[in-house]
Protein backbone atom coordinates (compact mmCIF):
# COMPACT_ATOMS: atom_id res chain seq x y z
CA MET A 1 -96.65 -43.24 29.91
CA ARG A 2 -92.90 -42.08 29.55
CA ALA A 3 -90.17 -43.60 31.61
CA PRO A 4 -88.53 -41.42 34.10
CA MET A 5 -85.52 -39.57 32.81
CA ARG A 6 -83.12 -41.44 35.03
CA ALA A 7 -84.32 -44.83 33.82
CA ARG A 8 -84.00 -43.80 30.19
CA SER A 9 -80.41 -42.43 30.73
CA THR A 10 -79.44 -45.71 32.35
CA ALA A 11 -80.96 -47.61 29.47
CA ILE A 12 -79.02 -45.49 27.06
CA GLY A 13 -75.83 -45.89 28.95
CA VAL A 14 -76.26 -49.65 28.98
CA ALA A 15 -76.93 -49.69 25.21
CA ALA A 16 -73.96 -47.71 24.41
CA SER A 17 -71.70 -49.91 26.59
CA LEU A 18 -72.93 -52.96 24.85
CA THR A 19 -72.40 -51.58 21.53
CA LEU A 20 -68.74 -50.74 22.56
CA LEU A 21 -68.27 -54.20 23.91
CA VAL A 22 -69.66 -55.99 20.90
CA SER A 23 -67.81 -53.79 18.48
CA GLY A 24 -64.55 -54.58 20.33
CA CYS A 25 -65.18 -58.33 19.76
CA GLY A 26 -64.37 -58.30 16.05
CA ASP A 27 -61.49 -60.41 14.78
CA ASP A 28 -59.58 -57.64 13.07
CA ASP A 29 -56.52 -57.71 15.26
CA THR A 30 -57.59 -60.27 18.07
CA ASP A 31 -55.83 -63.10 16.30
CA VAL A 32 -52.66 -61.51 15.45
CA ILE A 33 -49.68 -62.77 17.42
CA THR A 34 -47.50 -59.89 18.61
CA THR A 35 -44.72 -61.45 20.73
CA ILE A 36 -41.95 -63.68 19.61
CA ALA A 37 -42.34 -66.06 22.52
CA ASP A 38 -45.96 -66.70 21.48
CA ALA A 39 -44.96 -67.03 17.91
CA THR A 40 -42.58 -69.92 18.83
CA ALA A 41 -45.79 -72.17 19.94
CA GLN A 42 -48.67 -70.84 17.80
CA THR A 43 -49.73 -70.65 14.24
CA GLY A 44 -51.46 -67.67 12.55
CA SER A 45 -50.86 -64.04 11.56
CA VAL A 46 -48.05 -62.17 13.20
CA GLU A 47 -46.85 -58.61 13.70
CA LEU A 48 -43.49 -59.07 15.51
CA ASP A 49 -40.74 -56.62 16.66
CA GLY A 50 -37.27 -57.90 16.98
CA PHE A 51 -33.67 -58.07 15.71
CA VAL A 52 -32.57 -60.29 12.84
CA VAL A 53 -29.40 -62.44 12.91
CA GLU A 54 -28.57 -64.47 9.83
CA LEU A 55 -25.85 -67.31 10.14
CA ASP A 56 -25.17 -69.96 7.78
CA GLY A 57 -28.14 -68.97 5.62
CA VAL A 58 -30.47 -69.21 8.44
CA ALA A 59 -32.20 -66.04 9.49
CA LYS A 60 -33.82 -65.53 12.75
CA LEU A 61 -36.05 -63.00 14.42
CA CYS A 62 -34.76 -62.50 18.04
CA GLU A 63 -36.10 -60.91 21.11
CA ALA A 64 -32.85 -59.50 21.81
CA LEU A 65 -29.46 -58.94 20.29
CA LEU A 66 -26.67 -60.32 22.42
CA GLU A 67 -23.56 -58.10 22.88
CA SER A 68 -21.08 -60.55 21.60
CA PHE A 69 -19.29 -59.53 18.40
CA PRO A 70 -20.59 -60.52 15.93
CA PRO A 71 -23.95 -60.31 17.77
CA GLN A 72 -25.91 -63.61 18.65
CA CYS A 73 -29.54 -64.18 18.72
CA GLY A 74 -31.12 -63.71 22.02
CA GLU A 75 -33.97 -66.16 22.70
CA PRO A 76 -36.85 -66.57 22.14
CA SER A 77 -36.47 -66.53 18.47
CA VAL A 78 -38.33 -67.63 15.30
CA THR A 79 -36.88 -68.57 11.97
CA ILE A 80 -37.67 -66.39 8.89
CA ALA A 81 -38.32 -68.47 5.82
CA ASN A 82 -38.03 -65.60 3.23
CA ILE A 83 -35.58 -62.97 4.58
CA ASP A 84 -35.30 -61.43 1.14
CA GLU A 85 -38.74 -60.00 1.63
CA LEU A 86 -37.55 -57.90 4.58
CA ASP A 87 -36.69 -54.37 3.88
CA ALA A 88 -33.82 -53.72 6.54
CA THR A 89 -30.35 -52.51 6.87
CA PHE A 90 -27.79 -55.10 7.74
CA ALA A 91 -24.42 -55.11 9.23
CA THR A 92 -22.13 -58.03 8.01
CA GLU A 93 -18.97 -59.28 9.72
CA GLN A 94 -17.43 -62.67 10.08
CA GLY A 95 -20.22 -64.51 7.96
CA VAL A 96 -22.87 -63.02 10.34
CA ARG A 97 -25.60 -60.53 9.04
CA TRP A 98 -27.74 -58.64 11.54
CA THR A 99 -29.89 -55.50 12.12
CA ASP A 100 -28.63 -52.98 14.76
CA LEU A 101 -32.21 -51.69 14.95
CA SER A 102 -35.40 -53.66 15.75
CA VAL A 103 -37.48 -54.34 12.74
CA ARG A 104 -41.22 -55.11 12.33
CA VAL A 105 -42.05 -58.34 10.56
CA VAL A 106 -45.65 -58.90 9.35
CA GLY A 107 -46.70 -62.30 7.96
CA THR A 108 -47.77 -65.67 9.19
CA VAL A 109 -46.12 -68.18 11.52
CA ASP A 110 -46.35 -71.97 11.47
CA GLY A 111 -44.11 -74.32 13.52
CA GLY A 112 -41.95 -71.54 14.67
CA VAL A 113 -41.19 -70.41 11.18
CA VAL A 114 -42.29 -66.85 9.90
CA THR A 115 -43.01 -66.14 6.34
CA ILE A 116 -43.15 -62.57 5.65
CA GLU A 117 -45.91 -60.95 3.69
CA SER A 118 -44.85 -59.87 0.15
């Protein structure tokens, strides 16, 4: 005996919903850290947007660029281990290098230090 049409439609809908739910549980992007605040306290893969400020050989990816001149790093921030891997345009003044525009950094973070993928 065939199931009534309404019962079959409901079963198909439930199966489709479960398929979508399960396919959304993959670990492709779920473990990627996407905020600088989270990157300061976690370890793993990152895709971060922010401004770079480099002073005295220490480069930082900053949540904001403060309006002083030359600009300062607005917290939160993470240190960038290998700044030479970043393809960005920098301004330089009074021993400070910075990006006027937000940049995307992709790599890994450990202990608040980001290593850019090469």
